[in-house]
Amino acid sequence: MELDVTIRTYDESDRDVLLSDVADAFLPYEYDASVFHDDTTEWEIGDPSPRSNPVVEPDWYEGGLTIRFRYVSRVEQDASALTSTEYTVDGSGV
């Protein structure tokens, strides 16, 4: 999963504080993904950085960071279900 977090504020210092707060909130999962959820792994928290967006109101300060991690889906299945299909291969070439 990849999350692109965007923060827009009217104050440049508020933008920087909020970006830092978001990064700090997710940073512990880089070291121990199970704290977030046992089915996640390989957390990577990008560096917060200012961004420019000419479409956005000019008085806004915009910044962002990227958060990436893998989500592993666990499925429990009886081993007999994997081997219950019976078929034969006819080697006669027919």
PDB file of N, CA and C in Angstrom:
ATOM      1  N   MET A   1       0.852  -1.155   0.000  1.00  0.00           N
ATOM      2  CA  MET A   1       0.000   0.000   0.000  1.00  0.00           C
ATOM      3  C   MET A   1       0.900   1.219   0.000  1.00  0.00           C
ATOM      4  N   GLU A   2       0.487   2.222  -0.704  1.00  0.00           N
ATOM      5  CA  GLU A   2       1.231   3.477  -0.723  1.00  0.00           C
ATOM      6  C   GLU A   2       0.258   4.610  -0.446  1.00  0.00           C
ATOM      7  N   LEU A   3       0.584   5.397   0.545  1.00  0.00           N
ATOM      8  CA  LEU A   3      -0.234   6.549   0.916  1.00  0.00           C
ATOM      9  C   LEU A   3       0.539   7.820   0.610  1.00  0.00           C
ATOM     10  N   ASP A   4      -0.097   8.740  -0.061  1.00  0.00           N
ATOM     11  CA  ASP A   4       0.507  10.044  -0.324  1.00  0.00           C
ATOM     12  C   ASP A   4      -0.237  11.052   0.546  1.00  0.00           C
ATOM     13  N   VAL A   5       0.403  11.484   1.613  1.00  0.00           N
ATOM     14  CA  VAL A   5      -0.217  12.393   2.581  1.00  0.00           C
ATOM     15  C   VAL A   5       0.091  13.832   2.168  1.00  0.00           C
ATOM     16  N   THR A   6      -0.957  14.636   2.038  1.00  0.00           N
ATOM     17  CA  THR A   6      -0.794  16.046   1.682  1.00  0.00           C
ATOM     18  C   THR A   6      -1.386  16.908   2.783  1.00  0.00           C
ATOM     19  N   ILE A   7      -0.635  17.922   3.184  1.00  0.00           N
ATOM     20  CA  ILE A   7      -1.077  18.865   4.217  1.00  0.00           C
ATOM     21  C   ILE A   7      -1.076  20.261   3.596  1.00  0.00           C
ATOM     22  N   ARG A   8      -2.177  20.979   3.758  1.00  0.00           N
ATOM     23  CA  ARG A   8      -2.260  22.360   3.275  1.00  0.00           C
ATOM     24  C   ARG A   8      -2.685  23.257   4.444  1.00  0.00           C
ATOM     25  N   THR A   9      -1.936  24.312   4.648  1.00  0.00           N
ATOM     26  CA  THR A   9      -2.269  25.267   5.704  1.00  0.00           C
ATOM     27  C   THR A   9      -2.018  26.686   5.190  1.00  0.00           C
ATOM     28  N   TYR A  10      -2.523  27.649   5.937  1.00  0.00           N
ATOM     29  CA  TYR A  10      -2.260  29.047   5.607  1.00  0.00           C
ATOM     30  C   TYR A  10      -0.977  29.548   6.259  1.00  0.00           C
ATOM     31  N   ASP A  11      -0.371  28.720   7.081  1.00  0.00           N
ATOM     32  CA  ASP A  11       0.855  29.115   7.779  1.00  0.00           C
ATOM     33  C   ASP A  11       1.940  28.086   7.495  1.00  0.00           C
ATOM     34  N   GLU A  12       3.092  28.575   7.058  1.00  0.00           N
ATOM     35  CA  GLU A  12       4.188  27.673   6.680  1.00  0.00           C
ATOM     36  C   GLU A  12       4.691  26.844   7.857  1.00  0.00           C
ATOM     37  N   SER A  13       4.788  27.456   9.024  1.00  0.00           N
ATOM     38  CA  SER A  13       5.297  26.711  10.182  1.00  0.00           C
ATOM     39  C   SER A  13       4.287  25.656  10.638  1.00  0.00           C
ATOM     40  N   ASP A  14       2.985  25.950  10.523  1.00  0.00           N
ATOM     41  CA  ASP A  14       1.965  24.943  10.855  1.00  0.00           C
ATOM     42  C   ASP A  14       2.096  23.727   9.937  1.00  0.00           C
ATOM     43  N   ARG A  15       2.330  23.989   8.651  1.00  0.00           N
ATOM     44  CA  ARG A  15       2.511  22.892   7.697  1.00  0.00           C
ATOM     45  C   ARG A  15       3.662  21.993   8.122  1.00  0.00           C
ATOM     46  N   ASP A  16       4.776  22.599   8.473  1.00  0.00           N
ATOM     47  CA  ASP A  16       5.957  21.826   8.851  1.00  0.00           C
ATOM     48  C   ASP A  16       5.724  21.013  10.124  1.00  0.00           C
ATOM     49  N   VAL A  17       5.037  21.613  11.102  1.00  0.00           N
ATOM     50  CA  VAL A  17       4.745  20.915  12.355  1.00  0.00           C
ATOM     51  C   VAL A  17       3.816  19.735  12.099  1.00  0.00           C
ATOM     52  N   LEU A  18       2.774  19.950  11.309  1.00  0.00           N
ATOM     53  CA  LEU A  18       1.824  18.872  11.021  1.00  0.00           C
ATOM     54  C   LEU A  18       2.477  17.723  10.251  1.00  0.00           C
ATOM     55  N   LEU A  19       3.315  18.054   9.277  1.00  0.00           N
ATOM     56  CA  LEU A  19       4.025  17.007   8.532  1.00  0.00           C
ATOM     57  C   LEU A  19       4.933  16.198   9.453  1.00  0.00           C
ATOM     58  N   SER A  20       5.615  16.885  10.336  1.00  0.00           N
ATOM     59  CA  SER A  20       6.482  16.210  11.294  1.00  0.00           C
ATOM     60  C   SER A  20       5.675  15.315  12.235  1.00  0.00           C
ATOM     61  N   ASP A  21       4.519  15.800  12.675  1.00  0.00           N
ATOM     62  CA  ASP A  21       3.658  15.009  13.563  1.00  0.00           C
ATOM     63  C   ASP A  21       3.177  13.728  12.875  1.00  0.00           C
ATOM     64  N   VAL A  22       2.790  13.832  11.609  1.00  0.00           N
ATOM     65  CA  VAL A  22       2.340  12.650  10.865  1.00  0.00           C
ATOM     66  C   VAL A  22       3.485  11.648  10.717  1.00  0.00           C
ATOM     67  N   ALA A  23       4.653  12.123  10.332  1.00  0.00           N
ATOM     68  CA  ALA A  23       5.809  11.229  10.183  1.00  0.00           C
ATOM     69  C   ALA A  23       6.149  10.571  11.513  1.00  0.00           C
ATOM     70  N   ASP A  24       6.150  11.341  12.593  1.00  0.00           N
ATOM     71  CA  ASP A  24       6.466  10.792  13.916  1.00  0.00           C
ATOM     72  C   ASP A  24       5.442   9.747  14.363  1.00  0.00           C
ATOM     73  N   ALA A  25       4.194   9.926  13.977  1.00  0.00           N
ATOM     74  CA  ALA A  25       3.146   8.980  14.372  1.00  0.00           C
ATOM     75  C   ALA A  25       3.327   7.615  13.706  1.00  0.00           C
ATOM     76  N   PHE A  26       3.850   7.593  12.487  1.00  0.00           N
ATOM     77  CA  PHE A  26       3.998   6.332  11.760  1.00  0.00           C
ATOM     78  C   PHE A  26       5.399   5.737  11.823  1.00  0.00           C
ATOM     79  N   LEU A  27       6.383   6.527  12.227  1.00  0.00           N
ATOM     80  CA  LEU A  27       7.774   6.070  12.263  1.00  0.00           C
ATOM     81  C   LEU A  27       8.006   4.811  13.099  1.00  0.00           C
ATOM     82  N   PRO A  28       7.353   4.619  14.246  1.00  0.00           N
ATOM     83  CA  PRO A  28       7.602   3.409  15.038  1.00  0.00           C
ATOM     84  C   PRO A  28       7.316   2.100  14.279  1.00  0.00           C
ATOM     85  N   TYR A  29       6.445   2.159  13.273  1.00  0.00           N
ATOM     86  CA  TYR A  29       6.096   0.944  12.537  1.00  0.00           C
ATOM     87  C   TYR A  29       7.214   0.488  11.608  1.00  0.00           C
ATOM     88  N   GLU A  30       8.154   1.381  11.284  1.00  0.00           N
ATOM     89  CA  GLU A  30       9.325   0.960  10.507  1.00  0.00           C
ATOM     90  C   GLU A  30      10.165  -0.038  11.313  1.00  0.00           C
ATOM     91  N   TYR A  31      10.167   0.112  12.616  1.00  0.00           N
ATOM     92  CA  TYR A  31      10.987  -0.732  13.477  1.00  0.00           C
ATOM     93  C   TYR A  31      10.249  -1.971  13.968  1.00  0.00           C
ATOM     94  N   ASP A  32       8.931  -1.865  14.125  1.00  0.00           N
ATOM     95  CA  ASP A  32       8.138  -3.008  14.574  1.00  0.00           C
ATOM     96  C   ASP A  32       6.741  -2.907  13.967  1.00  0.00           C
ATOM     97  N   ALA A  33       6.564  -3.500  12.794  1.00  0.00           N
ATOM     98  CA  ALA A  33       5.298  -3.411  12.057  1.00  0.00           C
ATOM     99  C   ALA A  33       4.145  -4.050  12.816  1.00  0.00           C
ATOM    100  N   SER A  34       4.441  -5.023  13.664  1.00  0.00           N
ATOM    101  CA  SER A  34       3.371  -5.720  14.387  1.00  0.00           C
ATOM    102  C   SER A  34       2.654  -4.796  15.379  1.00  0.00           C
ATOM    103  N   VAL A  35       3.279  -3.694  15.750  1.00  0.00           N
ATOM    104  CA  VAL A  35       2.622  -2.736  16.642  1.00  0.00           C
ATOM    105  C   VAL A  35       1.392  -2.148  15.939  1.00  0.00           C
ATOM    106  N   PHE A  36       1.471  -1.950  14.619  1.00  0.00           N
ATOM    107  CA  PHE A  36       0.327  -1.460  13.854  1.00  0.00           C
ATOM    108  C   PHE A  36      -0.667  -2.588  13.617  1.00  0.00           C
ATOM    109  N   HIS A  37      -0.177  -3.693  13.044  1.00  0.00           N
ATOM    110  CA  HIS A  37      -1.013  -4.874  12.797  1.00  0.00           C
ATOM    111  C   HIS A  37      -0.091  -6.018  12.389  1.00  0.00           C
ATOM    112  N   ASP A  38      -0.411  -7.229  12.820  1.00  0.00           N
ATOM    113  CA  ASP A  38       0.427  -8.392  12.502  1.00  0.00           C
ATOM    114  C   ASP A  38       0.508  -8.680  11.006  1.00  0.00           C
ATOM    115  N   ASP A  39      -0.452  -8.210  10.239  1.00  0.00           N
ATOM    116  CA  ASP A  39      -0.472  -8.490   8.803  1.00  0.00           C
ATOM    117  C   ASP A  39       0.232  -7.428   7.970  1.00  0.00           C
ATOM    118  N   THR A  40       0.942  -6.493   8.609  1.00  0.00           N
ATOM    119  CA  THR A  40       1.694  -5.510   7.839  1.00  0.00           C
ATOM    120  C   THR A  40       3.190  -5.727   8.045  1.00  0.00           C
ATOM    121  N   THR A  41       3.954  -5.315   7.048  1.00  0.00           N
ATOM    122  CA  THR A  41       5.402  -5.464   7.106  1.00  0.00           C
ATOM    123  C   THR A  41       6.057  -4.424   6.189  1.00  0.00           C
ATOM    124  N   GLU A  42       7.345  -4.267   6.313  1.00  0.00           N
ATOM    125  CA  GLU A  42       8.162  -3.409   5.437  1.00  0.00           C
ATOM    126  C   GLU A  42       7.654  -1.963   5.371  1.00  0.00           C
ATOM    127  N   TRP A  43       7.447  -1.369   6.518  1.00  0.00           N
ATOM    128  CA  TRP A  43       7.018   0.029   6.573  1.00  0.00           C
ATOM    129  C   TRP A  43       8.154   0.942   6.135  1.00  0.00           C
ATOM    130  N   GLU A  44       7.820   1.962   5.368  1.00  0.00           N
ATOM    131  CA  GLU A  44       8.789   2.972   4.945  1.00  0.00           C
ATOM    132  C   GLU A  44       8.102   4.335   4.990  1.00  0.00           C
ATOM    133  N   ILE A  45       8.602   5.192   5.854  1.00  0.00           N
ATOM    134  CA  ILE A  45       8.041   6.531   6.014  1.00  0.00           C
ATOM    135  C   ILE A  45       8.962   7.510   5.303  1.00  0.00           C
ATOM    136  N   GLY A  46       8.432   8.193   4.302  1.00  0.00           N
ATOM    137  CA  GLY A  46       9.240   9.145   3.529  1.00  0.00           C
ATOM    138  C   GLY A  46       9.541  10.400   4.325  1.00  0.00           C
ATOM    139  N   ASP A  47      10.415  11.205   3.782  1.00  0.00           N
ATOM    140  CA  ASP A  47      10.766  12.471   4.429  1.00  0.00           C
ATOM    141  C   ASP A  47       9.725  13.529   4.086  1.00  0.00           C
ATOM    142  N   PRO A  48       9.215  14.223   5.087  1.00  0.00           N
ATOM    143  CA  PRO A  48       8.272  15.316   4.813  1.00  0.00           C
ATOM    144  C   PRO A  48       8.968  16.407   4.003  1.00  0.00           C
ATOM    145  N   SER A  49       8.259  16.951   3.022  1.00  0.00           N
ATOM    146  CA  SER A  49       8.863  17.998   2.207  1.00  0.00           C
ATOM    147  C   SER A  49       7.795  18.958   1.687  1.00  0.00           C
ATOM    148  N   PRO A  50       8.188  20.215   1.466  1.00  0.00           N
ATOM    149  CA  PRO A  50       7.260  21.186   0.878  1.00  0.00           C
ATOM    150  C   PRO A  50       6.930  20.773  -0.556  1.00  0.00           C
ATOM    151  N   ARG A  51       5.747  21.118  -0.992  1.00  0.00           N
ATOM    152  CA  ARG A  51       5.337  20.876  -2.376  1.00  0.00           C
ATOM    153  C   ARG A  51       4.717  22.148  -2.919  1.00  0.00           C
ATOM    154  N   SER A  52       4.787  22.284  -4.204  1.00  0.00           N
ATOM    155  CA  SER A  52       4.104  23.412  -4.817  1.00  0.00           C
ATOM    156  C   SER A  52       3.011  22.864  -5.734  1.00  0.00           C
ATOM    157  N   ASN A  53       1.890  23.549  -5.725  1.00  0.00           N
ATOM    158  CA  ASN A  53       0.768  23.152  -6.540  1.00  0.00           C
ATOM    159  C   ASN A  53       0.136  24.431  -7.091  1.00  0.00           C
ATOM    160  N   PRO A  54       0.379  24.739  -8.367  1.00  0.00           N
ATOM    161  CA  PRO A  54      -0.098  26.007  -8.917  1.00  0.00           C
ATOM    162  C   PRO A  54      -1.625  26.128  -8.961  1.00  0.00           C
ATOM    163  N   VAL A  55      -2.338  25.008  -8.837  1.00  0.00           N
ATOM    164  CA  VAL A  55      -3.794  25.038  -8.901  1.00  0.00           C
ATOM    165  C   VAL A  55      -4.395  25.480  -7.569  1.00  0.00           C
ATOM    166  N   VAL A  56      -3.671  25.223  -6.488  1.00  0.00           N
ATOM    167  CA  VAL A  56      -4.167  25.523  -5.149  1.00  0.00           C
ATOM    168  C   VAL A  56      -4.101  27.022  -4.896  1.00  0.00           C
ATOM    169  N   GLU A  57      -4.974  27.487  -4.046  1.00  0.00           N
ATOM    170  CA  GLU A  57      -4.991  28.897  -3.665  1.00  0.00           C
ATOM    171  C   GLU A  57      -3.571  29.347  -3.311  1.00  0.00           C
ATOM    172  N   PRO A  58      -3.109  30.472  -3.846  1.00  0.00           N
ATOM    173  CA  PRO A  58      -1.705  30.887  -3.660  1.00  0.00           C
ATOM    174  C   PRO A  58      -1.292  31.155  -2.219  1.00  0.00           C
ATOM    175  N   ASP A  59      -2.247  31.413  -1.333  1.00  0.00           N
ATOM    176  CA  ASP A  59      -1.900  31.697   0.065  1.00  0.00           C
ATOM    177  C   ASP A  59      -1.669  30.436   0.889  1.00  0.00           C
ATOM    178  N   TRP A  60      -1.887  29.276   0.314  1.00  0.00           N
ATOM    179  CA  TRP A  60      -1.721  28.029   1.046  1.00  0.00           C
ATOM    180  C   TRP A  60      -0.293  27.540   0.952  1.00  0.00           C
ATOM    181  N   TYR A  61       0.157  26.915   2.030  1.00  0.00           N
ATOM    182  CA  TYR A  61       1.447  26.226   2.033  1.00  0.00           C
ATOM    183  C   TYR A  61       1.146  24.735   2.017  1.00  0.00           C
ATOM    184  N   GLU A  62       1.724  24.047   1.051  1.00  0.00           N
ATOM    185  CA  GLU A  62       1.432  22.624   0.875  1.00  0.00           C
ATOM    186  C   GLU A  62       2.704  21.807   1.071  1.00  0.00           C
ATOM    187  N   GLY A  63       2.548  20.671   1.704  1.00  0.00           N
ATOM    188  CA  GLY A  63       3.660  19.752   1.896  1.00  0.00           C
ATOM    189  C   GLY A  63       3.130  18.337   1.933  1.00  0.00           C
ATOM    190  N   GLY A  64       4.024  17.380   1.870  1.00  0.00           N
ATOM    191  CA  GLY A  64       3.564  15.999   1.893  1.00  0.00           C
ATOM    192  C   GLY A  64       4.654  15.020   2.224  1.00  0.00           C
ATOM    193  N   LEU A  65       4.226  13.778   2.381  1.00  0.00           N
ATOM    194  CA  LEU A  65       5.150  12.674   2.572  1.00  0.00           C
ATOM    195  C   LEU A  65       4.463  11.398   2.104  1.00  0.00           C
ATOM    196  N   THR A  66       5.267  10.415   1.791  1.00  0.00           N
ATOM    197  CA  THR A  66       4.750   9.137   1.316  1.00  0.00           C
ATOM    198  C   THR A  66       4.973   8.079   2.386  1.00  0.00           C
ATOM    199  N   ILE A  67       3.958   7.268   2.611  1.00  0.00           N
ATOM    200  CA  ILE A  67       4.033   6.151   3.555  1.00  0.00           C
ATOM    201  C   ILE A  67       3.768   4.881   2.767  1.00  0.00           C
ATOM    202  N   ARG A  68       4.684   3.921   2.862  1.00  0.00           N
ATOM    203  CA  ARG A  68       4.532   2.653   2.148  1.00  0.00           C
ATOM    204  C   ARG A  68       4.634   1.495   3.130  1.00  0.00           C
ATOM    205  N   PHE A  69       3.844   0.454   2.880  1.00  0.00           N
ATOM    206  CA  PHE A  69       3.978  -0.783   3.645  1.00  0.00           C
ATOM    207  C   PHE A  69       3.309  -1.911   2.881  1.00  0.00           C
ATOM    208  N   ARG A  70       3.644  -3.110   3.262  1.00  0.00           N
ATOM    209  CA  ARG A  70       3.030  -4.295   2.656  1.00  0.00           C
ATOM    210  C   ARG A  70       1.995  -4.854   3.611  1.00  0.00           C
ATOM    211  N   TYR A  71       0.880  -5.232   3.041  1.00  0.00           N
ATOM    212  CA  TYR A  71      -0.165  -5.902   3.801  1.00  0.00           C
ATOM    213  C   TYR A  71      -0.207  -7.345   3.337  1.00  0.00           C
ATOM    214  N   VAL A  72      -0.046  -8.263   4.271  1.00  0.00           N
ATOM    215  CA  VAL A  72      -0.023  -9.684   3.955  1.00  0.00           C
ATOM    216  C   VAL A  72      -1.342 -10.287   4.409  1.00  0.00           C
ATOM    217  N   SER A  73      -2.058 -10.871   3.481  1.00  0.00           N
ATOM    218  CA  SER A  73      -3.317 -11.524   3.824  1.00  0.00           C
ATOM    219  C   SER A  73      -3.019 -12.965   4.231  1.00  0.00           C
ATOM    220  N   ARG A  74      -3.486 -13.342   5.387  1.00  0.00           N
ATOM    221  CA  ARG A  74      -3.249 -14.696   5.881  1.00  0.00           C
ATOM    222  C   ARG A  74      -4.515 -15.525   5.700  1.00  0.00           C
ATOM    223  N   VAL A  75      -4.331 -16.713   5.139  1.00  0.00           N
ATOM    224  CA  VAL A  75      -5.458 -17.600   4.901  1.00  0.00           C
ATOM    225  C   VAL A  75      -5.142 -18.944   5.518  1.00  0.00           C
ATOM    226  N   GLU A  76      -6.041 -19.432   6.326  1.00  0.00           N
ATOM    227  CA  GLU A  76      -5.861 -20.758   6.899  1.00  0.00           C
ATOM    228  C   GLU A  76      -6.685 -21.742   6.080  1.00  0.00           C
ATOM    229  N   GLN A  77      -6.031 -22.826   5.685  1.00  0.00           N
ATOM    230  CA  GLN A  77      -6.710 -23.810   4.862  1.00  0.00           C
ATOM    231  C   GLN A  77      -6.226 -25.193   5.244  1.00  0.00           C
ATOM    232  N   ASP A  78      -7.142 -26.141   5.235  1.00  0.00           N
ATOM    233  CA  ASP A  78      -6.808 -27.524   5.527  1.00  0.00           C
ATOM    234  C   ASP A  78      -5.952 -28.067   4.383  1.00  0.00           C
ATOM    235  N   ALA A  79      -4.874 -28.764   4.704  1.00  0.00           N
ATOM    236  CA  ALA A  79      -3.969 -29.296   3.681  1.00  0.00           C
ATOM    237  C   ALA A  79      -4.673 -30.263   2.743  1.00  0.00           C
ATOM    238  N   SER A  80      -5.695 -30.948   3.210  1.00  0.00           N
ATOM    239  CA  SER A  80      -6.398 -31.895   2.339  1.00  0.00           C
ATOM    240  C   SER A  80      -7.105 -31.176   1.194  1.00  0.00           C
ATOM    241  N   ALA A  81      -7.475 -29.924   1.375  1.00  0.00           N
ATOM    242  CA  ALA A  81      -8.119 -29.166   0.306  1.00  0.00           C
ATOM    243  C   ALA A  81      -7.155 -28.923  -0.847  1.00  0.00           C
ATOM    244  N   LEU A  82      -5.873 -28.902  -0.566  1.00  0.00           N
ATOM    245  CA  LEU A  82      -4.882 -28.681  -1.610  1.00  0.00           C
ATOM    246  C   LEU A  82      -4.583 -29.945  -2.413  1.00  0.00           C
ATOM    247  N   THR A  83      -4.898 -31.089  -1.845  1.00  0.00           N
ATOM    248  CA  THR A  83      -4.570 -32.354  -2.513  1.00  0.00           C
ATOM    249  C   THR A  83      -5.814 -33.185  -2.829  1.00  0.00           C
ATOM    250  N   SER A  84      -7.004 -32.609  -2.721  1.00  0.00           N
ATOM    251  CA  SER A  84      -8.222 -33.402  -2.877  1.00  0.00           C
ATOM    252  C   SER A  84      -8.608 -33.606  -4.339  1.00  0.00           C
ATOM    253  N   THR A  85      -8.010 -32.875  -5.269  1.00  0.00           N
ATOM    254  CA  THR A  85      -8.347 -33.057  -6.663  1.00  0.00           C
ATOM    255  C   THR A  85      -7.609 -34.282  -7.196  1.00  0.00           C
ATOM    256  N   GLU A  86      -8.372 -35.175  -7.781  1.00  0.00           N
ATOM    257  CA  GLU A  86      -7.768 -36.390  -8.341  1.00  0.00           C
ATOM    258  C   GLU A  86      -7.850 -36.353  -9.854  1.00  0.00           C
ATOM    259  N   TYR A  87      -6.760 -36.647 -10.496  1.00  0.00           N
ATOM    260  CA  TYR A  87      -6.748 -36.749 -11.944  1.00  0.00           C
ATOM    261  C   TYR A  87      -5.597 -37.647 -12.334  1.00  0.00           C
ATOM    262  N   THR A  88      -5.671 -38.158 -13.515  1.00  0.00           N
ATOM    263  CA  THR A  88      -4.594 -39.001 -14.028  1.00  0.00           C
ATOM    264  C   THR A  88      -4.135 -38.428 -15.345  1.00  0.00           C
ATOM    265  N   VAL A  89      -2.879 -38.633 -15.618  1.00  0.00           N
ATOM    266  CA  VAL A  89      -2.316 -38.207 -16.881  1.00  0.00           C
ATOM    267  C   VAL A  89      -2.104 -39.451 -17.724  1.00  0.00           C
ATOM    268  N   ASP A  90      -2.710 -39.446 -18.887  1.00  0.00           N
ATOM    269  CA  ASP A  90      -2.602 -40.581 -19.799  1.00  0.00           C
ATOM    270  C   ASP A  90      -1.389 -40.366 -20.676  1.00  0.00           C
ATOM    271  N   GLY A  91      -0.423 -41.198 -20.556  1.00  0.00           N
ATOM    272  CA  GLY A  91       0.825 -41.053 -21.302  1.00  0.00           C
ATOM    273  C   GLY A  91       0.744 -41.640 -22.701  1.00  0.00           C
ATOM    274  N   SER A  92      -0.432 -42.018 -23.178  1.00  0.00           N
ATOM    275  CA  SER A  92      -0.549 -42.652 -24.492  1.00  0.00           C
ATOM    276  C   SER A  92      -0.509 -41.647 -25.629  1.00  0.00           C
ATOM    277  N   GLY A  93      -0.523 -40.366 -25.323  1.00  0.00           N
ATOM    278  CA  GLY A  93      -0.460 -39.355 -26.377  1.00  0.00           C
ATOM    279  C   GLY A  93      -1.824 -39.049 -26.978  1.00  0.00           C
ATOM    280  N   VAL A  94      -2.871 -39.542 -26.376  1.00  0.00           N
ATOM    281  CA  VAL A  94      -4.225 -39.315 -26.912  1.00  0.00           C
ATOM    282  C   VAL A  94      -4.826 -38.089 -26.280  1.00  0.00           C
TER     283      VAL A  94
END
